[in-house]
C-alpha atoms as a PDB file:
ATOM      1  CA  MET A   1      55.400  98.956 113.892  1.00  0.00           C
ATOM      2  CA  PRO A   2      59.180  99.037 113.680  1.00  0.00           C
ATOM      3  CA  SER A   3      60.696  95.821 112.494  1.00  0.00           C
ATOM      4  CA  ARG A   4      62.792  93.876 114.947  1.00  0.00           C
ATOM      5  CA  LEU A   5      66.428  93.372 114.207  1.00  0.00           C
ATOM      6  CA  LYS A   6      67.338  89.728 113.880  1.00  0.00           C
ATOM      7  CA  GLN A   7      69.397  88.721 116.895  1.00  0.00           C
ATOM      8  CA  PRO A   8      72.592  86.834 116.048  1.00  0.00           C
ATOM      9  CA  LYS A   9      72.921  83.323 117.283  1.00  0.00           C
ATOM     10  CA  SER A  10      75.357  82.696 120.067  1.00  0.00           C
ATOM     11  CA  GLY A  11      78.884  82.910 118.739  1.00  0.00           C
ATOM     12  CA  ASP A  12      77.893  84.516 115.404  1.00  0.00           C
ATOM     13  CA  GLY A  13      79.127  87.973 116.396  1.00  0.00           C
ATOM     14  CA  LEU A  14      82.459  86.642 117.606  1.00  0.00           C
ATOM     15  CA  ARG A  15      82.883  84.490 114.503  1.00  0.00           C
ATOM     16  CA  LYS A  16      82.180  87.468 112.219  1.00  0.00           C
ATOM     17  CA  ARG A  17      84.606  89.665 114.179  1.00  0.00           C
ATOM     18  CA  VAL A  18      87.281  87.001 113.854  1.00  0.00           C
ATOM     19  CA  LEU A  19      86.707  86.740 110.104  1.00  0.00           C
ATOM     20  CA  ARG A  20      87.022  90.521 109.791  1.00  0.00           C
ATOM     21  CA  THR A  21      90.123  90.761 111.936  1.00  0.00           C
ATOM     22  CA  PRO A  22      93.233  91.249 109.785  1.00  0.00           C
ATOM     23  CA  ARG A  23      96.037  88.749 110.239  1.00  0.00           C
ATOM     24  CA  GLU A  24      98.280  89.939 113.065  1.00  0.00           C
ATOM     25  CA  SER A  25     101.756  90.978 111.948  1.00  0.00           C
ATOM     26  CA  PHE A  26     104.868  89.942 113.857  1.00  0.00           C
ATOM     27  CA  PRO A  27     106.263  92.561 116.268  1.00  0.00           C
ATOM     28  CA  PHE A  28     109.841  91.991 115.033  1.00  0.00           C
ATOM     29  CA  ASP A  29     111.991  91.032 112.089  1.00  0.00           C
ATOM     30  CA  PHE A  30     115.271  89.108 112.034  1.00  0.00           C
ATOM     31  CA  ARG A  31     117.393  92.256 111.776  1.00  0.00           C
ATOM     32  CA  SER A  32     115.810  93.800 114.887  1.00  0.00           C
ATOM     33  CA  LEU A  33     116.428  90.545 116.756  1.00  0.00           C
ATOM     34  CA  GLU A  34     120.104  90.640 115.731  1.00  0.00           C
ATOM     35  CA  ILE A  35     120.381  94.210 117.062  1.00  0.00           C
ATOM     36  CA  PHE A  36     118.644  93.312 120.328  1.00  0.00           C
ATOM     37  CA  LEU A  37     120.975  90.329 120.827  1.00  0.00           C
ATOM     38  CA  ALA A  38     124.037  92.501 120.220  1.00  0.00           C
ATOM     39  CA  VAL A  39     122.886  94.840 123.013  1.00  0.00           C
ATOM     40  CA  ALA A  40     122.129  91.893 125.297  1.00  0.00           C
ATOM     41  CA  GLU A  41     125.570  90.359 124.698  1.00  0.00           C
ATOM     42  CA  THR A  42     127.661  93.535 124.945  1.00  0.00           C
ATOM     43  CA  GLY A  43     125.609  95.249 127.654  1.00  0.00           C
ATOM     44  CA  SER A  44     126.001  98.501 125.759  1.00  0.00           C
ATOM     45  CA  PHE A  45     124.139 100.326 123.002  1.00  0.00           C
ATOM     46  CA  THR A  46     127.403 101.889 121.864  1.00  0.00           C
ATOM     47  CA  GLU A  47     129.314  98.582 121.702  1.00  0.00           C
ATOM     48  CA  ALA A  48     126.404  96.903 119.905  1.00  0.00           C
ATOM     49  CA  GLY A  49     126.549  99.683 117.317  1.00  0.00           C
ATOM     50  CA  LYS A  50     130.279  99.161 116.792  1.00  0.00           C
ATOM     51  CA  ARG A  51     129.764  95.410 116.325  1.00  0.00           C
ATOM     52  CA  LEU A  52     127.041  95.894 113.711  1.00  0.00           C
ATOM     53  CA  GLY A  53     128.381  99.025 112.034  1.00  0.00           C
ATOM     54  CA  LEU A  54     125.433 101.151 113.181  1.00  0.00           C
ATOM     55  CA  THR A  55     125.133 104.312 115.214  1.00  0.00           C
ATOM     56  CA  GLN A  56     124.236 104.217 118.892  1.00  0.00           C
ATOM     57  CA  SER A  57     121.081 106.133 117.986  1.00  0.00           C
ATOM     58  CA  ALA A  58     119.994 103.515 115.418  1.00  0.00           C
ATOM     59  CA  ILE A  59     120.543 100.726 117.965  1.00  0.00           C
ATOM     60  CA  SER A  60     118.515 102.558 120.609  1.00  0.00           C
ATOM     61  CA  GLN A  61     115.671 103.324 118.197  1.00  0.00           C
ATOM     62  CA  THR A  62     115.427  99.668 117.117  1.00  0.00           C
ATOM     63  CA  VAL A  63     115.241  98.420 120.714  1.00  0.00           C
ATOM     64  CA  SER A  64     112.673 101.090 121.568  1.00  0.00           C
ATOM     65  CA  GLN A  65     110.601 100.033 118.551  1.00  0.00           C
ATOM     66  CA  LEU A  66     110.705  96.415 119.731  1.00  0.00           C
ATOM     67  CA  GLU A  67     109.501  97.503 123.167  1.00  0.00           C
ATOM     68  CA  ARG A  68     106.618  99.457 121.616  1.00  0.00           C
ATOM     69  CA  GLU A  69     105.648  96.483 119.454  1.00  0.00           C
ATOM     70  CA  PHE A  70     105.714  94.076 122.393  1.00  0.00           C
ATOM     71  CA  ALA A  71     104.243  96.692 124.756  1.00  0.00           C
ATOM     72  CA  VAL A  72     106.754  95.685 127.410  1.00  0.00           C
ATOM     73  CA  MET A  73     110.157  96.905 128.624  1.00  0.00           C
ATOM     74  CA  LEU A  74     112.994  94.657 127.413  1.00  0.00           C
ATOM     75  CA  ILE A  75     116.004  96.552 128.797  1.00  0.00           C
ATOM     76  CA  ASP A  76     116.121  98.536 132.043  1.00  0.00           C
ATOM     77  CA  ARG A  77     118.134 101.612 131.045  1.00  0.00           C
ATOM     78  CA  LYS A  78     118.132 103.048 134.582  1.00  0.00           C
ATOM     79  CA  LEU A  79     120.619 100.420 135.646  1.00  0.00           C
ATOM     80  CA  LYS A  80     124.332 100.716 134.810  1.00  0.00           C
ATOM     81  CA  PRO A  81     125.077  98.833 132.668  1.00  0.00           C
ATOM     82  CA  PRO A  82     121.604  98.467 131.075  1.00  0.00           C
ATOM     83  CA  THR A  83     120.139  95.136 132.165  1.00  0.00           C
ATOM     84  CA  LEU A  84     117.631  92.765 130.581  1.00  0.00           C
ATOM     85  CA  THR A  85     114.214  92.578 132.168  1.00  0.00           C
ATOM     86  CA  ILE A  86     112.487  89.210 132.576  1.00  0.00           C
ATOM     87  CA  ALA A  87     110.757  89.765 129.210  1.00  0.00           C
ATOM     88  CA  GLY A  88     114.114  90.713 127.687  1.00  0.00           C
ATOM     89  CA  ALA A  89     115.761  87.551 129.007  1.00  0.00           C
ATOM     90  CA  ILE A  90     112.968  85.426 127.486  1.00  0.00           C
ATOM     91  CA  LEU A  91     113.313  87.224 124.149  1.00  0.00           C
ATOM     92  CA  ARG A  92     117.092  86.750 124.210  1.00  0.00           C
ATOM     93  CA  LYS A  93     116.748  82.974 124.514  1.00  0.00           C
ATOM     94  CA  GLN A  94     114.048  82.685 121.858  1.00  0.00           C
ATOM     95  CA  ALA A  95     115.816  85.084 119.497  1.00  0.00           C
ATOM     96  CA  TYR A  96     118.911  82.861 119.497  1.00  0.00           C
ATOM     97  CA  GLU A  97     116.806  79.873 118.467  1.00  0.00           C
ATOM     98  CA  LEU A  98     114.860  81.797 115.816  1.00  0.00           C
ATOM     99  CA  LEU A  99     118.008  83.199 114.205  1.00  0.00           C
ATOM    100  CA  GLU A 100     119.741  79.818 114.219  1.00  0.00           C
ATOM    101  CA  GLU A 101     116.749  78.229 112.506  1.00  0.00           C
ATOM    102  CA  ALA A 102     116.612  81.075 109.970  1.00  0.00           C
ATOM    103  CA  ARG A 103     120.317  80.616 109.152  1.00  0.00           C
ATOM    104  CA  ARG A 104     119.762  76.882 108.754  1.00  0.00           C
ATOM    105  CA  VAL A 105     116.885  77.488 106.291  1.00  0.00           C
ATOM    106  CA  VAL A 106     118.992  79.943 104.263  1.00  0.00           C
ATOM    107  CA  SER A 107     121.830  77.418 104.120  1.00  0.00           C
ATOM    108  CA  MET A 108     119.501  74.620 103.018  1.00  0.00           C
ATOM    109  CA  ILE A 109     117.993  76.751 100.242  1.00  0.00           C
ATOM    110  CA  ARG A 110     121.403  77.791  98.951  1.00  0.00           C
ATOM    111  CA  GLU A 111     122.714  74.247  99.060  1.00  0.00           C
ATOM    112  CA  SER A 112     119.651  72.995  97.174  1.00  0.00           C
ATOM    113  CA  VAL A 113     120.958  74.678  94.018  1.00  0.00           C
ATOM    114  CA  SER A 114     123.627  71.995  93.769  1.00  0.00           C
ATOM    115  CA  ALA A 115     121.600  69.195  95.344  1.00  0.00           C
ATOM    116  CA  LYS A 116     120.674  66.124  93.307  1.00  0.00           C
ATOM    117  CA  LEU A 117     117.258  64.548  93.094  1.00  0.00           C
ATOM    118  CA  PRO A 118     117.139  60.820  93.894  1.00  0.00           C
ATOM    119  CA  ILE A 119     115.628  60.030  90.472  1.00  0.00           C
ATOM    120  CA  VAL A 120     114.281  61.828  87.405  1.00  0.00           C
ATOM    121  CA  ARG A 121     111.851  59.851  85.231  1.00  0.00           C
ATOM    122  CA  ILE A 122     111.174  61.125  81.716  1.00  0.00           C
ATOM    123  CA  GLY A 123     108.667  60.004  79.089  1.00  0.00           C
ATOM    124  CA  LEU A 124     109.785  60.645  75.493  1.00  0.00           C
ATOM    125  CA  ILE A 125     107.796  60.190  72.308  1.00  0.00           C
ATOM    126  CA  GLU A 126     109.479  57.737  69.938  1.00  0.00           C
ATOM    127  CA  SER A 127     110.396  60.291  67.277  1.00  0.00           C
ATOM    128  CA  LEU A 128     112.531  62.214  69.781  1.00  0.00           C
ATOM    129  CA  PHE A 129     113.972  59.338  71.754  1.00  0.00           C
ATOM    130  CA  PRO A 130     117.040  58.605  69.563  1.00  0.00           C
ATOM    131  CA  VAL A 131     117.993  62.289  69.459  1.00  0.00           C
ATOM    132  CA  LEU A 132     117.284  63.434  73.018  1.00  0.00           C
ATOM    133  CA  ALA A 133     117.865  60.351  75.168  1.00  0.00           C
ATOM    134  CA  PRO A 134     121.701  60.228  74.838  1.00  0.00           C
ATOM    135  CA  VAL A 135     122.068  63.965  75.502  1.00  0.00           C
ATOM    136  CA  LEU A 136     119.725  63.905  78.489  1.00  0.00           C
ATOM    137  CA  GLY A 137     121.574  60.871  79.833  1.00  0.00           C
ATOM    138  CA  VAL A 138     124.811  62.845  79.913  1.00  0.00           C
ATOM    139  CA  GLU A 139     123.543  66.266  80.976  1.00  0.00           C
ATOM    140  CA  LEU A 140     121.177  65.183  83.756  1.00  0.00           C
ATOM    141  CA  ARG A 141     123.825  63.306  85.704  1.00  0.00           C
ATOM    142  CA  ALA A 142     124.527  66.593  87.492  1.00  0.00           C
ATOM    143  CA  TYR A 143     120.929  66.820  88.736  1.00  0.00           C
ATOM    144  CA  ALA A 144     119.864  63.258  89.538  1.00  0.00           C
ATOM    145  CA  HIS A 145     121.427  60.189  91.108  1.00  0.00           C
ATOM    146  CA  GLN A 146     119.305  58.007  88.838  1.00  0.00           C
ATOM    147  CA  LEU A 147     117.719  58.672  85.453  1.00  0.00           C
ATOM    148  CA  SER A 148     114.912  56.669  83.869  1.00  0.00           C
ATOM    149  CA  MET A 149     113.580  57.265  80.342  1.00  0.00           C
ATOM    150  CA  LEU A 150     110.471  55.712  78.837  1.00  0.00           C
ATOM    151  CA  SER A 151     109.652  55.768  75.125  1.00  0.00           C
ATOM    152  CA  GLY A 152     106.354  54.979  73.443  1.00  0.00           C
ATOM    153  CA  LEU A 153     102.986  56.573  72.800  1.00  0.00           C
ATOM    154  CA  SER A 154     102.138  59.900  74.425  1.00  0.00           C
ATOM    155  CA  TYR A 155      98.883  58.354  75.717  1.00  0.00           C
ATOM    156  CA  PHE A 156     100.836  56.106  78.085  1.00  0.00           C
ATOM    157  CA  HIS A 157     103.084  58.987  79.148  1.00  0.00           C
ATOM    158  CA  ARG A 158      99.998  61.020  80.018  1.00  0.00           C
ATOM    159  CA  GLN A 159      98.707  58.276  82.283  1.00  0.00           C
ATOM    160  CA  ALA A 160     102.147  57.736  83.805  1.00  0.00           C
ATOM    161  CA  LEU A 161     102.519  61.450  84.601  1.00  0.00           C
ATOM    162  CA  LEU A 162      99.087  61.688  86.203  1.00  0.00           C
ATOM    163  CA  GLN A 163      99.717  58.510  88.197  1.00  0.00           C
ATOM    164  CA  ARG A 164     103.137  59.838  89.285  1.00  0.00           C
ATOM    165  CA  ASN A 165     105.038  57.062  87.538  1.00  0.00           C
ATOM    166  CA  ILE A 166     107.081  59.605  85.568  1.00  0.00           C
ATOM    167  CA  ASP A 167     108.071  63.170  86.455  1.00  0.00           C
ATOM    168  CA  VAL A 168     108.411  64.777  83.027  1.00  0.00           C
ATOM    169  CA  SER A 169     106.677  64.094  79.713  1.00  0.00           C
ATOM    170  CA  ILE A 170     107.905  65.357  76.352  1.00  0.00           C
ATOM    171  CA  THR A 171     104.715  65.075  74.417  1.00  0.00           C
ATOM    172  CA  PRO A 172     102.331  66.593  71.832  1.00  0.00           C
ATOM    173  CA  GLU A 173      99.590  66.565  74.498  1.00  0.00           C
ATOM    174  CA  PRO A 174      99.513  69.852  76.474  1.00  0.00           C
ATOM    175  CA  MET A 175      96.859  68.565  78.931  1.00  0.00           C
ATOM    176  CA  TYR A 176      95.448  72.071  79.351  1.00  0.00           C
ATOM    177  CA  GLU A 177      92.375  70.648  81.070  1.00  0.00           C
ATOM    178  CA  ILE A 178      94.500  69.484  84.013  1.00  0.00           C
ATOM    179  CA  ASP A 179      95.578  71.950  86.719  1.00  0.00           C
ATOM    180  CA  GLY A 180      98.890  71.878  88.536  1.00  0.00           C
ATOM    181  CA  LEU A 181     101.141  71.313  85.519  1.00  0.00           C
ATOM    182  CA  ASP A 182     103.974  73.397  84.090  1.00  0.00           C
ATOM    183  CA  ARG A 183     104.341  73.465  80.303  1.00  0.00           C
ATOM    184  CA  PHE A 184     107.321  74.433  78.150  1.00  0.00           C
ATOM    185  CA  VAL A 185     106.877  74.615  74.362  1.00  0.00           C
ATOM    186  CA  LEU A 186     109.730  72.899  72.504  1.00  0.00           C
ATOM    187  CA  LEU A 187     108.741  73.158  68.830  1.00  0.00           C
ATOM    188  CA  HIS A 188     106.005  73.670  66.260  1.00  0.00           C
ATOM    189  CA  GLU A 189     105.887  71.532  63.140  1.00  0.00           C
ATOM    190  CA  PRO A 190     103.424  71.098  60.259  1.00  0.00           C
ATOM    191  CA  PHE A 191     101.898  67.835  59.113  1.00  0.00           C
ATOM    192  CA  ILE A 192     103.006  66.696  55.656  1.00  0.00           C
ATOM    193  CA  LEU A 193     101.953  64.162  53.032  1.00  0.00           C
ATOM    194  CA  LEU A 194     103.741  60.802  52.979  1.00  0.00           C
ATOM    195  CA  LEU A 195     103.442  59.150  49.560  1.00  0.00           C
ATOM    196  CA  PRO A 196     104.883  56.210  47.617  1.00  0.00           C
ATOM    197  CA  ALA A 197     107.873  57.192  45.468  1.00  0.00           C
ATOM    198  CA  THR A 198     105.694  56.595  42.378  1.00  0.00           C
ATOM    199  CA  ARG A 199     103.662  59.722  43.274  1.00  0.00           C
ATOM    200  CA  ARG A 200     106.655  61.980  42.721  1.00  0.00           C
ATOM    201  CA  GLY A 201     105.875  64.521  40.017  1.00  0.00           C
ATOM    202  CA  LYS A 202     102.134  63.909  40.185  1.00  0.00           C
ATOM    203  CA  ASP A 203      99.380  66.235  41.402  1.00  0.00           C
ATOM    204  CA  ASN A 204      98.837  65.415  45.092  1.00  0.00           C
ATOM    205  CA  SER A 205      96.870  68.531  46.002  1.00  0.00           C
ATOM    206  CA  ASP A 206      93.433  66.889  46.139  1.00  0.00           C
ATOM    207  CA  LEU A 207      93.146  64.521  49.099  1.00  0.00           C
ATOM    208  CA  ALA A 208      89.754  63.180  48.015  1.00  0.00           C
ATOM    209  CA  ARG A 209      91.131  62.189  44.618  1.00  0.00           C
ATOM    210  CA  LEU A 210      94.259  60.775  46.242  1.00  0.00           C
ATOM    211  CA  ALA A 211      92.113  58.691  48.591  1.00  0.00           C
ATOM    212  CA  ALA A 212      90.148  57.360  45.612  1.00  0.00           C
ATOM    213  CA  GLU A 213      93.370  56.159  43.977  1.00  0.00           C
ATOM    214  CA  LEU A 214      95.244  54.813  47.025  1.00  0.00           C
ATOM    215  CA  PRO A 215      94.215  53.478  50.463  1.00  0.00           C
ATOM    216  CA  PHE A 216      94.928  55.736  53.451  1.00  0.00           C
ATOM    217  CA  ILE A 217      97.292  54.333  56.083  1.00  0.00           C
ATOM    218  CA  TRP A 218      96.388  55.470  59.587  1.00  0.00           C
ATOM    219  CA  TYR A 219      98.188  56.058  62.827  1.00  0.00           C
ATOM    220  CA  THR A 220      96.089  54.379  65.516  1.00  0.00           C
ATOM    221  CA  ASP A 221      93.777  56.543  67.631  1.00  0.00           C
ATOM    222  CA  ARG A 222      95.854  55.572  70.657  1.00  0.00           C
ATOM    223  CA  SER A 223      98.485  57.957  69.308  1.00  0.00           C
ATOM    224  CA  HIS A 224      97.920  61.698  69.604  1.00  0.00           C
ATOM    225  CA  MET A 225      98.930  62.041  65.950  1.00  0.00           C
ATOM    226  CA  GLY A 226      96.281  59.550  64.882  1.00  0.00           C
ATOM    227  CA  HIS A 227      93.665  61.493  66.819  1.00  0.00           C
ATOM    228  CA  GLN A 228      94.732  64.837  65.284  1.00  0.00           C
ATOM    229  CA  ILE A 229      94.799  63.431  61.752  1.00  0.00           C
ATOM    230  CA  GLY A 230      91.381  61.827  62.212  1.00  0.00           C
ATOM    231  CA  LEU A 231      89.863  65.162  63.314  1.00  0.00           C
ATOM    232  CA  HIS A 232      91.460  66.923  60.354  1.00  0.00           C
ATOM    233  CA  LEU A 233      90.072  64.456  57.826  1.00  0.00           C
ATOM    234  CA  ARG A 234      86.607  64.627  59.381  1.00  0.00           C
ATOM    235  CA  ARG A 235      86.693  68.426  59.087  1.00  0.00           C
ATOM    236  CA  LEU A 236      87.414  67.895  55.400  1.00  0.00           C
ATOM    237  CA  ARG A 237      84.482  65.449  55.317  1.00  0.00           C
ATOM    238  CA  LEU A 238      86.746  62.627  54.253  1.00  0.00           C
ATOM    239  CA  GLU A 239      85.555  59.366  55.765  1.00  0.00           C
ATOM    240  CA  LEU A 240      88.382  56.977  54.912  1.00  0.00           C
ATOM    241  CA  PRO A 241      88.400  53.239  55.686  1.00  0.00           C
ATOM    242  CA  ARG A 242      90.586  52.143  58.565  1.00  0.00           C
ATOM    243  CA  ASP A 243      91.883  49.002  56.919  1.00  0.00           C
ATOM    244  CA  GLN A 244      95.478  49.692  58.003  1.00  0.00           C
ATOM    245  CA  ALA A 245      96.537  51.426  61.225  1.00  0.00           C
ATOM    246  CA  TYR A 246      99.867  51.441  63.058  1.00  0.00           C
ATOM    247  CA  ASP A 247     101.141  52.821  66.349  1.00  0.00           C
ATOM    248  CA  SER A 248     104.579  53.719  65.026  1.00  0.00           C
ATOM    249  CA  THR A 249     105.909  55.807  62.156  1.00  0.00           C
ATOM    250  CA  SER A 250     108.139  52.921  61.117  1.00  0.00           C
ATOM    251  CA  GLY A 251     105.028  50.812  60.467  1.00  0.00           C
ATOM    252  CA  VAL A 252     103.316  53.586  58.516  1.00  0.00           C
ATOM    253  CA  VAL A 253     106.434  54.360  56.457  1.00  0.00           C
ATOM    254  CA  SER A 254     107.090  50.718  55.609  1.00  0.00           C
ATOM    255  CA  MET A 255     103.560  50.332  54.207  1.00  0.00           C
ATOM    256  CA  VAL A 256     103.832  53.520  52.164  1.00  0.00           C
ATOM    257  CA  ALA A 257     107.293  52.492  50.901  1.00  0.00           C
ATOM    258  CA  ALA A 258     105.760  49.222  49.704  1.00  0.00           C
ATOM    259  CA  GLY A 259     103.251  51.207  47.651  1.00  0.00           C
ATOM    260  CA  LEU A 260     100.291  50.061  49.740  1.00  0.00           C
ATOM    261  CA  GLY A 261      98.909  53.517  50.438  1.00  0.00           C
ATOM    262  CA  TRP A 262      99.564  57.092  51.519  1.00  0.00           C
ATOM    263  CA  ALA A 263      99.608  58.786  54.916  1.00  0.00           C
ATOM    264  CA  ILE A 264      99.918  62.039  56.825  1.00  0.00           C
ATOM    265  CA  THR A 265     102.879  62.462  59.166  1.00  0.00           C
ATOM    266  CA  THR A 266     105.331  65.147  60.390  1.00  0.00           C
ATOM    267  CA  PRO A 267     108.918  66.132  59.497  1.00  0.00           C
ATOM    268  CA  LEU A 268     110.233  65.013  62.893  1.00  0.00           C
ATOM    269  CA  CYS A 269     108.694  61.574  62.432  1.00  0.00           C
ATOM    270  CA  MET A 270     110.340  61.291  59.023  1.00  0.00           C
ATOM    271  CA  LEU A 271     113.672  62.307  60.509  1.00  0.00           C
ATOM    272  CA  ASP A 272     113.327  59.379  62.909  1.00  0.00           C
ATOM    273  CA  ALA A 273     112.480  57.118  59.932  1.00  0.00           C
ATOM    274  CA  ARG A 274     115.455  58.238  57.799  1.00  0.00           C
ATOM    275  CA  PRO A 275     116.537  54.731  56.724  1.00  0.00           C
ATOM    276  CA  ALA A 276     113.293  54.397  54.730  1.00  0.00           C
ATOM    277  CA  ALA A 277     113.072  58.060  53.661  1.00  0.00           C
ATOM    278  CA  ASN A 278     114.584  57.375  50.240  1.00  0.00           C
ATOM    279  CA  SER A 279     111.817  54.869  49.477  1.00  0.00           C
ATOM    280  CA  VAL A 280     109.002  57.373  49.927  1.00  0.00           C
ATOM    281  CA  PHE A 281     108.052  60.827  48.722  1.00  0.00           C
ATOM    282  CA  CYS A 282     106.998  63.703  51.006  1.00  0.00           C
ATOM    283  CA  ALA A 283     105.065  66.799  49.964  1.00  0.00           C
ATOM    284  CA  PRO A 284     103.265  69.717  51.655  1.00  0.00           C
ATOM    285  CA  LEU A 285      99.844  68.939  53.054  1.00  0.00           C
ATOM    286  CA  PRO A 286      97.218  70.775  50.962  1.00  0.00           C
ATOM    287  CA  PRO A 287      95.296  73.560  52.759  1.00  0.00           C
ATOM    288  CA  PRO A 288      93.938  73.863  55.322  1.00  0.00           C
ATOM    289  CA  ALA A 289      97.189  73.522  57.241  1.00  0.00           C
ATOM    290  CA  LEU A 290      97.552  71.149  60.162  1.00  0.00           C
ATOM    291  CA  SER A 291     100.324  71.410  62.748  1.00  0.00           C
ATOM    292  CA  ARG A 292     101.279  70.218  66.198  1.00  0.00           C
ATOM    293  CA  GLN A 293     103.287  71.440  69.179  1.00  0.00           C
ATOM    294  CA  LEU A 294     105.698  69.348  71.176  1.00  0.00           C
ATOM    295  CA  MET A 295     106.133  70.414  74.748  1.00  0.00           C
ATOM    296  CA  LEU A 296     107.562  69.394  78.070  1.00  0.00           C
ATOM    297  CA  VAL A 297     104.945  68.875  80.778  1.00  0.00           C
ATOM    298  CA  ALA A 298     105.783  68.407  84.477  1.00  0.00           C
ATOM    299  CA  ARG A 299     103.964  68.656  87.797  1.00  0.00           C
ATOM    300  CA  SER A 300     104.277  72.154  89.232  1.00  0.00           C
ATOM    301  CA  GLY A 301     106.641  72.859  92.105  1.00  0.00           C
ATOM    302  CA  GLU A 302     108.108  69.386  92.554  1.00  0.00           C
ATOM    303  CA  MET A 303     111.475  69.489  90.770  1.00  0.00           C
ATOM    304  CA  GLY A 304     112.693  73.042  91.128  1.00  0.00           C
ATOM    305  CA  GLY A 305     114.300  74.332  87.951  1.00  0.00           C
ATOM    306  CA  ILE A 306     115.021  70.910  86.448  1.00  0.00           C
ATOM    307  CA  PRO A 307     112.030  70.838  84.032  1.00  0.00           C
ATOM    308  CA  SER A 308     113.078  74.235  82.694  1.00  0.00           C
ATOM    309  CA  ARG A 309     116.675  73.020  82.275  1.00  0.00           C
ATOM    310  CA  ILE A 310     115.500  69.917  80.415  1.00  0.00           C
ATOM    311  CA  ALA A 311     113.317  72.082  78.143  1.00  0.00           C
ATOM    312  CA  ASP A 312     116.244  74.406  77.364  1.00  0.00           C
ATOM    313  CA  LEU A 313     118.468  71.412  76.627  1.00  0.00           C
ATOM    314  CA  ALA A 314     115.826  69.828  74.367  1.00  0.00           C
ATOM    315  CA  ARG A 315     115.389  73.072  72.426  1.00  0.00           C
ATOM    316  CA  ARG A 316     119.147  73.362  71.968  1.00  0.00           C
ATOM    317  CA  VAL A 317     119.368  69.806  70.602  1.00  0.00           C
ATOM    318  CA  LEU A 318     116.393  70.377  68.302  1.00  0.00           C
ATOM    319  CA  GLU A 319     117.852  73.644  67.049  1.00  0.00           C
ATOM    320  CA  THR A 320     121.376  72.364  66.405  1.00  0.00           C
ATOM    321  CA  ARG A 321     120.720  68.777  65.296  1.00  0.00           C
ATOM    322  CA  CYS A 322     117.172  68.311  64.068  1.00  0.00           C
ATOM    323  CA  ALA A 323     116.311  71.634  62.434  1.00  0.00           C
ATOM    324  CA  PRO A 324     119.276  71.632  59.970  1.00  0.00           C
ATOM    325  CA  GLU A 325     118.623  68.034  58.912  1.00  0.00           C
ATOM    326  CA  ILE A 326     114.927  68.655  58.431  1.00  0.00           C
ATOM    327  CA  ALA A 327     115.697  71.793  56.401  1.00  0.00           C
ATOM    328  CA  GLY A 328     117.913  69.645  54.164  1.00  0.00           C
ATOM    329  CA  MET A 329     115.278  66.941  53.763  1.00  0.00           C
ATOM    330  CA  PHE A 330     112.338  69.307  53.201  1.00  0.00           C
ATOM    331  CA  PRO A 331     113.588  72.695  51.933  1.00  0.00           C
ATOM    332  CA  TRP A 332     110.034  73.637  50.980  1.00  0.00           C
ATOM    333  CA  LEU A 333     109.029  73.804  54.662  1.00  0.00           C
ATOM    334  CA  GLY A 334     110.547  77.255  55.078  1.00  0.00           C
ATOM    335  CA  ASP A 335     109.975  78.500  58.637  1.00  0.00           C
ATOM    336  CA  ALA A 336     106.999  76.199  59.273  1.00  0.00           C
ATOM    337  CA  PHE A 337     109.261  73.981  61.413  1.00  0.00           C
ATOM    338  CA  LYS A 338     110.134  76.199  64.365  1.00  0.00           C
ATOM    339  CA  VAL A 339     112.010  75.392  67.575  1.00  0.00           C
ATOM    340  CA  GLY A 340     110.857  77.234  70.688  1.00  0.00           C
ATOM    341  CA  ASP A 341     107.693  79.167  71.507  1.00  0.00           C
ATOM    342  CA  MET A 342     105.976  81.160  68.776  1.00  0.00           C
END
């Protein structure tokens, strides 16, 4: 017995046909509307061609194509001069409005290049704030009526960006797990050892032995650095007491300078802590290497090209101001401190 075909429910066939139907294209473009309007205004295919710098044949072909697309006569050519039909008169009126709106959109887009945003709010990690904030304050006046800059831990900048309290975050946290963000790499830098000056000239290549001789001074886990360093030490199976932990590099450096312990930090952080740099000793971190990226993160599509401009400006400042000083402080780094994307 032949099987019965399942009958579609009412409306199923129509719904499926609609889903399969390709999106209908428009029967005109703006150039063909301009040509049609020239004919309508001059009353002549020849005069319309002279106005637009086209041949009479090109004008006639464009109008004929419009009529085929609309499936209706727009101009009665039997009359002298050629006269608009009712459909042609309707198209003439609507074409004026469409072209005026199109010109207005083009003008708005072009003017937006020089337009200013009401406010740009930037979150900066502390180690970059003294270097970048003054330059950004000067350069961004051309792009924003008001500029706000927030320093502090990257954790708070992350929350502020996601809650729309800042627009741009310069941070070591890429937030790859979050969609809808643009990211611009600013620099790569290695982690280094931060030691009391008394460790100069000694063997600091064994972290376990170092930890047995001196307490470890932590960055708090609220900081991205503290989290990275903690993961690194756990991979090395070094479970170190958390007797001392600080949010800021200045706190960590002051404890190390006092001979109360050792720490792991980065060249950029030490550049920010230059006043105390002479009281401590820095050395390469023993293998395996540990490094971090700093990047600019912003919500996609909300600020035009401004995030990219800020990233370019930050890289230029890092390249011309920070990189030479860091090379002077730590010549043994070589090319491990690198501005820009790898």
